[in-house]
Amino acid sequence: MNKTELVNAVAEKTGLTKVDSRKAVDATIAALTEDLRAGNNTTLVGFGTFSVIKREARTGINPRTKKAIKIPAKKVAKFKPSKGLL
């Protein structure tokens, strides 16, 4: 499902217009993004938990040249589904 399909599904299930549904979806994504950038976890009961983890620096291999490269440390978003989701 892409964003347009999500907006259409929200509009259909809530009876909102597609414009209002797009605003709701955009606001939800913006709130999740802000919370993750702040380093917080967001839990949606019955859906799952979004969190930020730190990946340590490591050595990888460039597949084209087969030479070792350094991959820097970085923060990445992680999603853990709730038990009842699937």
PDB file of N, CA and C in Angstrom:
ATOM      1  N   MET A   1       0.850  -1.170   0.000  1.00  0.00           N
ATOM      2  CA  MET A   1       0.000   0.000   0.000  1.00  0.00           C
ATOM      3  C   MET A   1       0.896   1.234   0.000  1.00  0.00           C
ATOM      4  N   ASN A   2       0.631   2.155  -0.897  1.00  0.00           N
ATOM      5  CA  ASN A   2       1.380   3.402  -0.906  1.00  0.00           C
ATOM      6  C   ASN A   2       0.560   4.496  -0.196  1.00  0.00           C
ATOM      7  N   LYS A   3       1.108   5.694  -0.143  1.00  0.00           N
ATOM      8  CA  LYS A   3       0.465   6.770   0.615  1.00  0.00           C
ATOM      9  C   LYS A   3      -0.911   7.132   0.045  1.00  0.00           C
ATOM     10  N   THR A   4      -1.033   7.166  -1.268  1.00  0.00           N
ATOM     11  CA  THR A   4      -2.321   7.491  -1.895  1.00  0.00           C
ATOM     12  C   THR A   4      -3.374   6.449  -1.544  1.00  0.00           C
ATOM     13  N   GLU A   5      -2.975   5.190  -1.587  1.00  0.00           N
ATOM     14  CA  GLU A   5      -3.914   4.123  -1.226  1.00  0.00           C
ATOM     15  C   GLU A   5      -4.297   4.212   0.245  1.00  0.00           C
ATOM     16  N   LEU A   6      -3.357   4.592   1.096  1.00  0.00           N
ATOM     17  CA  LEU A   6      -3.659   4.770   2.515  1.00  0.00           C
ATOM     18  C   LEU A   6      -4.642   5.905   2.716  1.00  0.00           C
ATOM     19  N   VAL A   7      -4.424   7.015   2.034  1.00  0.00           N
ATOM     20  CA  VAL A   7      -5.351   8.155   2.128  1.00  0.00           C
ATOM     21  C   VAL A   7      -6.745   7.743   1.672  1.00  0.00           C
ATOM     22  N   ASN A   8      -6.835   7.005   0.578  1.00  0.00           N
ATOM     23  CA  ASN A   8      -8.133   6.536   0.081  1.00  0.00           C
ATOM     24  C   ASN A   8      -8.809   5.607   1.087  1.00  0.00           C
ATOM     25  N   ALA A   9      -8.041   4.722   1.710  1.00  0.00           N
ATOM     26  CA  ALA A   9      -8.601   3.799   2.699  1.00  0.00           C
ATOM     27  C   ALA A   9      -9.104   4.553   3.922  1.00  0.00           C
ATOM     28  N   VAL A  10      -8.339   5.548   4.374  1.00  0.00           N
ATOM     29  CA  VAL A  10      -8.764   6.350   5.525  1.00  0.00           C
ATOM     30  C   VAL A  10     -10.054   7.104   5.184  1.00  0.00           C
ATOM     31  N   ALA A  11     -10.113   7.672   3.988  1.00  0.00           N
ATOM     32  CA  ALA A  11     -11.313   8.405   3.562  1.00  0.00           C
ATOM     33  C   ALA A  11     -12.529   7.490   3.521  1.00  0.00           C
ATOM     34  N   GLU A  12     -12.325   6.290   3.017  1.00  0.00           N
ATOM     35  CA  GLU A  12     -13.434   5.338   2.909  1.00  0.00           C
ATOM     36  C   GLU A  12     -13.920   4.867   4.277  1.00  0.00           C
ATOM     37  N   LYS A  13     -12.997   4.582   5.180  1.00  0.00           N
ATOM     38  CA  LYS A  13     -13.372   4.035   6.488  1.00  0.00           C
ATOM     39  C   LYS A  13     -13.912   5.103   7.442  1.00  0.00           C
ATOM     40  N   THR A  14     -13.497   6.354   7.275  1.00  0.00           N
ATOM     41  CA  THR A  14     -13.917   7.395   8.209  1.00  0.00           C
ATOM     42  C   THR A  14     -15.024   8.288   7.673  1.00  0.00           C
ATOM     43  N   GLY A  15     -15.224   8.283   6.363  1.00  0.00           N
ATOM     44  CA  GLY A  15     -16.220   9.169   5.780  1.00  0.00           C
ATOM     45  C   GLY A  15     -15.694  10.587   5.571  1.00  0.00           C
ATOM     46  N   LEU A  16     -14.405  10.785   5.814  1.00  0.00           N
ATOM     47  CA  LEU A  16     -13.794  12.092   5.569  1.00  0.00           C
ATOM     48  C   LEU A  16     -13.531  12.259   4.075  1.00  0.00           C
ATOM     49  N   THR A  17     -13.335  13.507   3.661  1.00  0.00           N
ATOM     50  CA  THR A  17     -12.949  13.734   2.271  1.00  0.00           C
ATOM     51  C   THR A  17     -11.501  13.286   2.097  1.00  0.00           C
ATOM     52  N   LYS A  18     -11.104  13.122   0.844  1.00  0.00           N
ATOM     53  CA  LYS A  18      -9.724  12.717   0.584  1.00  0.00           C
ATOM     54  C   LYS A  18      -8.751  13.810   1.010  1.00  0.00           C
ATOM     55  N   VAL A  19      -9.158  15.063   0.889  1.00  0.00           N
ATOM     56  CA  VAL A  19      -8.297  16.175   1.307  1.00  0.00           C
ATOM     57  C   VAL A  19      -8.078  16.119   2.819  1.00  0.00           C
ATOM     58  N   ASP A  20      -9.153  15.917   3.578  1.00  0.00           N
ATOM     59  CA  ASP A  20      -9.032  15.820   5.036  1.00  0.00           C
ATOM     60  C   ASP A  20      -8.268  14.564   5.450  1.00  0.00           C
ATOM     61  N   SER A  21      -8.480  13.481   4.721  1.00  0.00           N
ATOM     62  CA  SER A  21      -7.763  12.239   5.019  1.00  0.00           C
ATOM     63  C   SER A  21      -6.269  12.413   4.771  1.00  0.00           C
ATOM     64  N   ARG A  22      -5.907  13.109   3.690  1.00  0.00           N
ATOM     65  CA  ARG A  22      -4.492  13.355   3.406  1.00  0.00           C
ATOM     66  C   ARG A  22      -3.875  14.200   4.514  1.00  0.00           C
ATOM     67  N   LYS A  23      -4.619  15.196   5.002  1.00  0.00           N
ATOM     68  CA  LYS A  23      -4.120  16.028   6.106  1.00  0.00           C
ATOM     69  C   LYS A  23      -3.895  15.179   7.354  1.00  0.00           C
ATOM     70  N   ALA A  24      -4.817  14.264   7.628  1.00  0.00           N
ATOM     71  CA  ALA A  24      -4.692  13.404   8.809  1.00  0.00           C
ATOM     72  C   ALA A  24      -3.493  12.467   8.675  1.00  0.00           C
ATOM     73  N   VAL A  25      -3.315  11.872   7.513  1.00  0.00           N
ATOM     74  CA  VAL A  25      -2.186  10.968   7.287  1.00  0.00           C
ATOM     75  C   VAL A  25      -0.872  11.746   7.373  1.00  0.00           C
ATOM     76  N   ASP A  26      -0.815  12.913   6.740  1.00  0.00           N
ATOM     77  CA  ASP A  26       0.401  13.740   6.788  1.00  0.00           C
ATOM     78  C   ASP A  26       0.722  14.168   8.219  1.00  0.00           C
ATOM     79  N   ALA A  27      -0.298  14.535   8.993  1.00  0.00           N
ATOM     80  CA  ALA A  27      -0.081  14.947  10.381  1.00  0.00           C
ATOM     81  C   ALA A  27       0.423  13.778  11.222  1.00  0.00           C
ATOM     82  N   THR A  28      -0.105  12.591  10.990  1.00  0.00           N
ATOM     83  CA  THR A  28       0.335  11.404  11.722  1.00  0.00           C
ATOM     84  C   THR A  28       1.799  11.098  11.410  1.00  0.00           C
ATOM     85  N   ILE A  29       2.148  11.132  10.145  1.00  0.00           N
ATOM     86  CA  ILE A  29       3.532  10.859   9.745  1.00  0.00           C
ATOM     87  C   ILE A  29       4.463  11.923  10.313  1.00  0.00           C
ATOM     88  N   ALA A  30       4.044  13.179  10.282  1.00  0.00           N
ATOM     89  CA  ALA A  30       4.873  14.262  10.819  1.00  0.00           C
ATOM     90  C   ALA A  30       5.090  14.100  12.322  1.00  0.00           C
ATOM     91  N   ALA A  31       4.046  13.725  13.045  1.00  0.00           N
ATOM     92  CA  ALA A  31       4.172  13.530  14.493  1.00  0.00           C
ATOM     93  C   ALA A  31       5.121  12.371  14.807  1.00  0.00           C
ATOM     94  N   LEU A  32       4.997  11.264  14.072  1.00  0.00           N
ATOM     95  CA  LEU A  32       5.896  10.126  14.270  1.00  0.00           C
ATOM     96  C   LEU A  32       7.341  10.509  13.951  1.00  0.00           C
ATOM     97  N   THR A  33       7.532  11.243  12.875  1.00  0.00           N
ATOM     98  CA  THR A  33       8.873  11.663  12.468  1.00  0.00           C
ATOM     99  C   THR A  33       9.517  12.558  13.517  1.00  0.00           C
ATOM    100  N   GLU A  34       8.771  13.532  14.014  1.00  0.00           N
ATOM    101  CA  GLU A  34       9.292  14.437  15.046  1.00  0.00           C
ATOM    102  C   GLU A  34       9.673  13.677  16.307  1.00  0.00           C
ATOM    103  N   ASP A  35       8.825  12.736  16.699  1.00  0.00           N
ATOM    104  CA  ASP A  35       9.081  11.957  17.907  1.00  0.00           C
ATOM    105  C   ASP A  35      10.331  11.090  17.752  1.00  0.00           C
ATOM    106  N   LEU A  36      10.494  10.460  16.592  1.00  0.00           N
ATOM    107  CA  LEU A  36      11.671   9.627  16.354  1.00  0.00           C
ATOM    108  C   LEU A  36      12.942  10.475  16.285  1.00  0.00           C
ATOM    109  N   ARG A  37      12.863  11.638  15.646  1.00  0.00           N
ATOM    110  CA  ARG A  37      14.031  12.520  15.575  1.00  0.00           C
ATOM    111  C   ARG A  37      14.455  13.001  16.955  1.00  0.00           C
ATOM    112  N   ALA A  38      13.493  13.105  17.864  1.00  0.00           N
ATOM    113  CA  ALA A  38      13.804  13.499  19.239  1.00  0.00           C
ATOM    114  C   ALA A  38      14.386  12.331  20.036  1.00  0.00           C
ATOM    115  N   GLY A  39      14.398  11.135  19.447  1.00  0.00           N
ATOM    116  CA  GLY A  39      14.964   9.968  20.114  1.00  0.00           C
ATOM    117  C   GLY A  39      13.971   9.207  20.969  1.00  0.00           C
ATOM    118  N   ASN A  40      12.692   9.501  20.813  1.00  0.00           N
ATOM    119  CA  ASN A  40      11.652   8.848  21.620  1.00  0.00           C
ATOM    120  C   ASN A  40      11.084   7.628  20.900  1.00  0.00           C
ATOM    121  N   ASN A  41      10.457   6.762  21.671  1.00  0.00           N
ATOM    122  CA  ASN A  41       9.717   5.634  21.124  1.00  0.00           C
ATOM    123  C   ASN A  41       8.254   6.020  21.024  1.00  0.00           C
ATOM    124  N   THR A  42       7.571   5.498  20.000  1.00  0.00           N
ATOM    125  CA  THR A  42       6.143   5.720  19.850  1.00  0.00           C
ATOM    126  C   THR A  42       5.460   4.365  19.782  1.00  0.00           C
ATOM    127  N   THR A  43       4.541   4.126  20.687  1.00  0.00           N
ATOM    128  CA  THR A  43       3.815   2.862  20.719  1.00  0.00           C
ATOM    129  C   THR A  43       2.363   3.099  20.338  1.00  0.00           C
ATOM    130  N   LEU A  44       1.898   2.380  19.339  1.00  0.00           N
ATOM    131  CA  LEU A  44       0.500   2.403  18.943  1.00  0.00           C
ATOM    132  C   LEU A  44      -0.071   1.046  19.343  1.00  0.00           C
ATOM    133  N   VAL A  45      -0.861   1.035  20.393  1.00  0.00           N
ATOM    134  CA  VAL A  45      -1.392  -0.210  20.947  1.00  0.00           C
ATOM    135  C   VAL A  45      -2.169  -0.960  19.873  1.00  0.00           C
ATOM    136  N   GLY A  46      -1.865  -2.228  19.713  1.00  0.00           N
ATOM    137  CA  GLY A  46      -2.517  -3.064  18.718  1.00  0.00           C
ATOM    138  C   GLY A  46      -1.840  -3.008  17.359  1.00  0.00           C
ATOM    139  N   PHE A  47      -0.867  -2.117  17.189  1.00  0.00           N
ATOM    140  CA  PHE A  47      -0.164  -1.994  15.910  1.00  0.00           C
ATOM    141  C   PHE A  47       1.317  -2.308  16.068  1.00  0.00           C
ATOM    142  N   GLY A  48       2.014  -1.540  16.910  1.00  0.00           N
ATOM    143  CA  GLY A  48       3.422  -1.798  17.120  1.00  0.00           C
ATOM    144  C   GLY A  48       4.144  -0.605  17.715  1.00  0.00           C
ATOM    145  N   THR A  49       5.477  -0.725  17.796  1.00  0.00           N
ATOM    146  CA  THR A  49       6.309   0.303  18.392  1.00  0.00           C
ATOM    147  C   THR A  49       7.369   0.763  17.403  1.00  0.00           C
ATOM    148  N   PHE A  50       7.456   2.072  17.233  1.00  0.00           N
ATOM    149  CA  PHE A  50       8.504   2.683  16.429  1.00  0.00           C
ATOM    150  C   PHE A  50       9.578   3.157  17.397  1.00  0.00           C
ATOM    151  N   SER A  51      10.837   2.873  17.102  1.00  0.00           N
ATOM    152  CA  SER A  51      11.922   3.302  17.976  1.00  0.00           C
ATOM    153  C   SER A  51      13.142   3.662  17.143  1.00  0.00           C
ATOM    154  N   VAL A  52      14.122   4.258  17.805  1.00  0.00           N
ATOM    155  CA  VAL A  52      15.379   4.626  17.162  1.00  0.00           C
ATOM    156  C   VAL A  52      16.482   3.801  17.800  1.00  0.00           C
ATOM    157  N   ILE A  53      17.302   3.169  16.974  1.00  0.00           N
ATOM    158  CA  ILE A  53      18.448   2.427  17.483  1.00  0.00           C
ATOM    159  C   ILE A  53      19.704   2.999  16.850  1.00  0.00           C
ATOM    160  N   LYS A  54      20.830   2.812  17.518  1.00  0.00           N
ATOM    161  CA  LYS A  54      22.096   3.282  16.989  1.00  0.00           C
ATOM    162  C   LYS A  54      22.875   2.089  16.449  1.00  0.00           C
ATOM    163  N   ARG A  55      23.249   2.171  15.186  1.00  0.00           N
ATOM    164  CA  ARG A  55      24.106   1.148  14.589  1.00  0.00           C
ATOM    165  C   ARG A  55      25.546   1.597  14.758  1.00  0.00           C
ATOM    166  N   GLU A  56      26.361   0.706  15.264  1.00  0.00           N
ATOM    167  CA  GLU A  56      27.770   1.017  15.464  1.00  0.00           C
ATOM    168  C   GLU A  56      28.494   1.050  14.120  1.00  0.00           C
ATOM    169  N   ALA A  57      29.631   1.737  14.094  1.00  0.00           N
ATOM    170  CA  ALA A  57      30.467   1.753  12.895  1.00  0.00           C
ATOM    171  C   ALA A  57      30.983   0.345  12.637  1.00  0.00           C
ATOM    172  N   ARG A  58      31.131   0.005  11.370  1.00  0.00           N
ATOM    173  CA  ARG A  58      31.594  -1.340  11.034  1.00  0.00           C
ATOM    174  C   ARG A  58      32.337  -1.315   9.699  1.00  0.00           C
ATOM    175  N   THR A  59      32.971  -2.416   9.390  1.00  0.00           N
ATOM    176  CA  THR A  59      33.684  -2.553   8.128  1.00  0.00           C
ATOM    177  C   THR A  59      32.840  -3.395   7.187  1.00  0.00           C
ATOM    178  N   GLY A  60      32.677  -2.908   5.967  1.00  0.00           N
ATOM    179  CA  GLY A  60      31.931  -3.641   4.957  1.00  0.00           C
ATOM    180  C   GLY A  60      32.799  -3.865   3.736  1.00  0.00           C
ATOM    181  N   ILE A  61      32.199  -4.461   2.710  1.00  0.00           N
ATOM    182  CA  ILE A  61      32.930  -4.724   1.468  1.00  0.00           C
ATOM    183  C   ILE A  61      32.167  -4.088   0.322  1.00  0.00           C
ATOM    184  N   ASN A  62      32.886  -3.302  -0.478  1.00  0.00           N
ATOM    185  CA  ASN A  62      32.301  -2.724  -1.683  1.00  0.00           C
ATOM    186  C   ASN A  62      32.101  -3.861  -2.679  1.00  0.00           C
ATOM    187  N   PRO A  63      30.862  -4.165  -3.086  1.00  0.00           N
ATOM    188  CA  PRO A  63      30.639  -5.310  -3.965  1.00  0.00           C
ATOM    189  C   PRO A  63      31.245  -5.132  -5.357  1.00  0.00           C
ATOM    190  N   ARG A  64      31.447  -3.902  -5.770  1.00  0.00           N
ATOM    191  CA  ARG A  64      32.006  -3.658  -7.094  1.00  0.00           C
ATOM    192  C   ARG A  64      33.512  -3.881  -7.130  1.00  0.00           C
ATOM    193  N   THR A  65      34.207  -3.357  -6.101  1.00  0.00           N
ATOM    194  CA  THR A  65      35.673  -3.451  -6.090  1.00  0.00           C
ATOM    195  C   THR A  65      36.202  -4.532  -5.157  1.00  0.00           C
ATOM    196  N   LYS A  66      35.352  -5.063  -4.313  1.00  0.00           N
ATOM    197  CA  LYS A  66      35.715  -6.081  -3.316  1.00  0.00           C
ATOM    198  C   LYS A  66      36.694  -5.561  -2.266  1.00  0.00           C
ATOM    199  N   LYS A  67      36.804  -4.245  -2.147  1.00  0.00           N
ATOM    200  CA  LYS A  67      37.693  -3.655  -1.151  1.00  0.00           C
ATOM    201  C   LYS A  67      36.907  -3.340   0.121  1.00  0.00           C
ATOM    202  N   ALA A  68      37.611  -3.367   1.243  1.00  0.00           N
ATOM    203  CA  ALA A  68      36.996  -3.046   2.530  1.00  0.00           C
ATOM    204  C   ALA A  68      36.696  -1.556   2.599  1.00  0.00           C
ATOM    205  N   ILE A  69      35.529  -1.219   3.146  1.00  0.00           N
ATOM    206  CA  ILE A  69      35.152   0.169   3.347  1.00  0.00           C
ATOM    207  C   ILE A  69      34.675   0.343   4.772  1.00  0.00           C
ATOM    208  N   LYS A  70      34.784   1.550   5.283  1.00  0.00           N
ATOM    209  CA  LYS A  70      34.293   1.841   6.631  1.00  0.00           C
ATOM    210  C   LYS A  70      32.874   2.386   6.519  1.00  0.00           C
ATOM    211  N   ILE A  71      31.967   1.766   7.246  1.00  0.00           N
ATOM    212  CA  ILE A  71      30.581   2.216   7.295  1.00  0.00           C
ATOM    213  C   ILE A  71      30.411   2.956   8.624  1.00  0.00           C
ATOM    214  N   PRO A  72      30.075   4.241   8.581  1.00  0.00           N
ATOM    215  CA  PRO A  72      30.003   5.021   9.817  1.00  0.00           C
ATOM    216  C   PRO A  72      28.808   4.638  10.690  1.00  0.00           C
ATOM    217  N   ALA A  73      28.893   4.981  11.959  1.00  0.00           N
ATOM    218  CA  ALA A  73      27.781   4.761  12.884  1.00  0.00           C
ATOM    219  C   ALA A  73      26.633   5.679  12.488  1.00  0.00           C
ATOM    220  N   LYS A  74      25.406   5.231  12.730  1.00  0.00           N
ATOM    221  CA  LYS A  74      24.246   6.069  12.433  1.00  0.00           C
ATOM    222  C   LYS A  74      23.041   5.591  13.222  1.00  0.00           C
ATOM    223  N   LYS A  75      22.055   6.448  13.291  1.00  0.00           N
ATOM    224  CA  LYS A  75      20.797   6.105  13.938  1.00  0.00           C
ATOM    225  C   LYS A  75      19.804   5.693  12.863  1.00  0.00           C
ATOM    226  N   VAL A  76      19.033   4.641  13.154  1.00  0.00           N
ATOM    227  CA  VAL A  76      18.035   4.156  12.202  1.00  0.00           C
ATOM    228  C   VAL A  76      16.715   3.914  12.925  1.00  0.00           C
ATOM    229  N   ALA A  77      15.631   4.024  12.177  1.00  0.00           N
ATOM    230  CA  ALA A  77      14.305   3.755  12.724  1.00  0.00           C
ATOM    231  C   ALA A  77      14.061   2.248  12.706  1.00  0.00           C
ATOM    232  N   LYS A  78      13.356   1.771  13.725  1.00  0.00           N
ATOM    233  CA  LYS A  78      13.045   0.353  13.853  1.00  0.00           C
ATOM    234  C   LYS A  78      11.562   0.225  14.168  1.00  0.00           C
ATOM    235  N   PHE A  79      10.923  -0.794  13.644  1.00  0.00           N
ATOM    236  CA  PHE A  79       9.513  -1.054  13.933  1.00  0.00           C
ATOM    237  C   PHE A  79       9.378  -2.462  14.449  1.00  0.00           C
ATOM    238  N   LYS A  80       8.698  -2.606  15.570  1.00  0.00           N
ATOM    239  CA  LYS A  80       8.417  -3.921  16.146  1.00  0.00           C
ATOM    240  C   LYS A  80       6.891  -4.073  16.198  1.00  0.00           C
ATOM    241  N   PRO A  81       6.335  -4.996  15.404  1.00  0.00           N
ATOM    242  CA  PRO A  81       4.880  -5.160  15.400  1.00  0.00           C
ATOM    243  C   PRO A  81       4.370  -5.743  16.710  1.00  0.00           C
ATOM    244  N   SER A  82       3.141  -5.387  17.057  1.00  0.00           N
ATOM    245  CA  SER A  82       2.540  -5.957  18.264  1.00  0.00           C
ATOM    246  C   SER A  82       2.158  -7.405  17.991  1.00  0.00           C
ATOM    247  N   LYS A  83       1.942  -8.149  19.050  1.00  0.00           N
ATOM    248  CA  LYS A  83       1.627  -9.580  18.904  1.00  0.00           C
ATOM    249  C   LYS A  83       0.335  -9.814  18.133  1.00  0.00           C
ATOM    250  N   GLY A  84      -0.625  -8.928  18.281  1.00  0.00           N
ATOM    251  CA  GLY A  84      -1.919  -9.114  17.639  1.00  0.00           C
ATOM    252  C   GLY A  84      -1.994  -8.580  16.221  1.00  0.00           C
ATOM    253  N   LEU A  85      -0.906  -8.023  15.705  1.00  0.00           N
ATOM    254  CA  LEU A  85      -0.963  -7.400  14.381  1.00  0.00           C
ATOM    255  C   LEU A  85      -1.112  -8.419  13.271  1.00  0.00           C
ATOM    256  N   LEU A  86      -0.333  -9.469  13.300  1.00  0.00           N
ATOM    257  CA  LEU A  86      -0.371 -10.434  12.193  1.00  0.00           C
ATOM    258  C   LEU A  86      -1.103 -11.668  12.549  1.00  0.00           C
TER     259      LEU A  86
END
